[in-house]
Amino acid sequence: MIFLSVIGPIEILLLGIIYFILLISSLFLILKHEKSLSLFIWMLFIIFVPFLGSLLYVSKHLITNHKMSISTK
C-alpha cells in the first residue's frame, strides 16, 4: 500500500506511453521480419506476456541487426 502512494498519475501515464510505444514497435517489427510460424509464436508471446514479450522481441531484433551489420563489414 505504501508503494502505491509513491507512484502518481504522471508516472502511470509515462509508463503507459512507454509500453504503448514498445508494443507498437514490436508488432511492426514482427509483421515486417517474421514469417508464418515464428510470427504466430511471437504474437502469442506478446499477447500473453505483454511487456516482457515486446521487450524481448525488440531486444532480439536489435541484437540480430547488430550481428548482421558486423558480419557485412
C-alpha atoms as a PDB file:
ATOM      1  CA  MET A   1       0.000   0.000   0.000  1.00  0.00           C
ATOM      2  CA  ILE A   2       2.893   2.368   0.723  1.00  0.00           C
ATOM      3  CA  PHE A   3       4.322   1.709  -2.769  1.00  0.00           C
ATOM      4  CA  LEU A   4       1.126   2.877  -4.444  1.00  0.00           C
ATOM      5  CA  SER A   5       1.360   6.291  -2.793  1.00  0.00           C
ATOM      6  CA  VAL A   6       4.771   6.844  -4.392  1.00  0.00           C
ATOM      7  CA  ILE A   7       3.502   6.349  -7.957  1.00  0.00           C
ATOM      8  CA  GLY A   8       1.424   9.282  -9.103  1.00  0.00           C
ATOM      9  CA  PRO A   9      -0.699   9.803 -12.192  1.00  0.00           C
ATOM     10  CA  ILE A  10       2.204  11.297 -14.167  1.00  0.00           C
ATOM     11  CA  GLU A  11       4.351   8.195 -13.631  1.00  0.00           C
ATOM     12  CA  ILE A  12       1.481   5.916 -14.605  1.00  0.00           C
ATOM     13  CA  LEU A  13       0.893   7.951 -17.753  1.00  0.00           C
ATOM     14  CA  LEU A  14       4.595   7.837 -18.685  1.00  0.00           C
ATOM     15  CA  LEU A  15       4.748   4.072 -18.149  1.00  0.00           C
ATOM     16  CA  GLY A  16       1.636   3.671 -20.294  1.00  0.00           C
ATOM     17  CA  ILE A  17       3.149   5.737 -23.100  1.00  0.00           C
ATOM     18  CA  ILE A  18       6.416   3.770 -22.949  1.00  0.00           C
ATOM     19  CA  TYR A  19       4.506   0.484 -23.022  1.00  0.00           C
ATOM     20  CA  PHE A  20       2.358   1.625 -25.967  1.00  0.00           C
ATOM     21  CA  ILE A  21       5.416   2.688 -28.000  1.00  0.00           C
ATOM     22  CA  LEU A  22       7.178  -0.593 -27.198  1.00  0.00           C
ATOM     23  CA  LEU A  23       4.085  -2.611 -28.148  1.00  0.00           C
ATOM     24  CA  ILE A  24       3.517  -0.829 -31.469  1.00  0.00           C
ATOM     25  CA  SER A  25       7.185  -1.016 -32.456  1.00  0.00           C
ATOM     26  CA  SER A  26       7.445  -4.721 -31.609  1.00  0.00           C
ATOM     27  CA  LEU A  27       4.254  -5.541 -33.542  1.00  0.00           C
ATOM     28  CA  PHE A  28       5.529  -3.580 -36.539  1.00  0.00           C
ATOM     29  CA  LEU A  29       8.895  -5.363 -36.443  1.00  0.00           C
ATOM     30  CA  ILE A  30       7.253  -8.776 -36.090  1.00  0.00           C
ATOM     31  CA  LEU A  31       4.940  -8.208 -39.038  1.00  0.00           C
ATOM     32  CA  LYS A  32       7.827  -6.909 -41.131  1.00  0.00           C
ATOM     33  CA  HIS A  33      10.510  -9.513 -40.352  1.00  0.00           C
ATOM     34  CA  GLU A  34       8.919 -12.769 -39.232  1.00  0.00           C
ATOM     35  CA  LYS A  35       7.243 -15.488 -41.295  1.00  0.00           C
ATOM     36  CA  SER A  36       4.291 -17.780 -40.564  1.00  0.00           C
ATOM     37  CA  LEU A  37       5.077 -19.934 -37.510  1.00  0.00           C
ATOM     38  CA  SER A  38       7.543 -17.604 -35.815  1.00  0.00           C
ATOM     39  CA  LEU A  39       5.142 -14.692 -36.407  1.00  0.00           C
ATOM     40  CA  PHE A  40       2.353 -16.657 -34.723  1.00  0.00           C
ATOM     41  CA  ILE A  41       4.540 -17.659 -31.763  1.00  0.00           C
ATOM     42  CA  TRP A  42       5.816 -14.112 -31.183  1.00  0.00           C
ATOM     43  CA  MET A  43       2.273 -12.711 -31.412  1.00  0.00           C
ATOM     44  CA  LEU A  44       1.075 -15.216 -28.811  1.00  0.00           C
ATOM     45  CA  PHE A  45       4.011 -14.353 -26.589  1.00  0.00           C
ATOM     46  CA  ILE A  46       3.220 -10.640 -26.815  1.00  0.00           C
ATOM     47  CA  ILE A  47      -0.470 -11.257 -26.112  1.00  0.00           C
ATOM     48  CA  PHE A  48       0.062 -13.495 -23.076  1.00  0.00           C
ATOM     49  CA  VAL A  49       3.189 -11.821 -21.653  1.00  0.00           C
ATOM     50  CA  PRO A  50       2.678  -8.242 -22.875  1.00  0.00           C
ATOM     51  CA  PHE A  51       5.545  -6.102 -21.577  1.00  0.00           C
ATOM     52  CA  LEU A  52       8.183  -8.824 -21.410  1.00  0.00           C
ATOM     53  CA  GLY A  53       7.258 -10.224 -24.837  1.00  0.00           C
ATOM     54  CA  SER A  54       7.564  -6.839 -26.519  1.00  0.00           C
ATOM     55  CA  LEU A  55      10.806  -6.073 -24.756  1.00  0.00           C
ATOM     56  CA  LEU A  56      12.318  -9.445 -25.683  1.00  0.00           C
ATOM     57  CA  TYR A  57      11.376  -9.151 -29.352  1.00  0.00           C
ATOM     58  CA  VAL A  58      12.762  -5.645 -29.723  1.00  0.00           C
ATOM     59  CA  SER A  59      15.972  -6.794 -27.976  1.00  0.00           C
ATOM     60  CA  LYS A  60      16.199  -9.842 -30.251  1.00  0.00           C
ATOM     61  CA  HIS A  61      15.730  -7.659 -33.310  1.00  0.00           C
ATOM     62  CA  LEU A  62      18.410  -5.161 -32.233  1.00  0.00           C
ATOM     63  CA  ILE A  63      20.919  -7.926 -31.432  1.00  0.00           C
ATOM     64  CA  THR A  64      20.256  -9.680 -34.745  1.00  0.00           C
ATOM     65  CA  ASN A  65      20.679  -6.455 -36.717  1.00  0.00           C
ATOM     66  CA  HIS A  66      23.894  -5.648 -34.838  1.00  0.00           C
ATOM     67  CA  LYS A  67      25.344  -9.083 -35.648  1.00  0.00           C
ATOM     68  CA  MET A  68      24.357  -8.722 -39.311  1.00  0.00           C
ATOM     69  CA  SER A  69      25.978  -5.279 -39.570  1.00  0.00           C
ATOM     70  CA  ILE A  70      29.216  -6.617 -38.033  1.00  0.00           C
ATOM     71  CA  SER A  71      29.335  -9.609 -40.391  1.00  0.00           C
ATOM     72  CA  THR A  72      28.915  -7.428 -43.517  1.00  0.00           C
ATOM     73  CA  LYS A  73      31.931  -5.237 -42.652  1.00  0.00           C
END
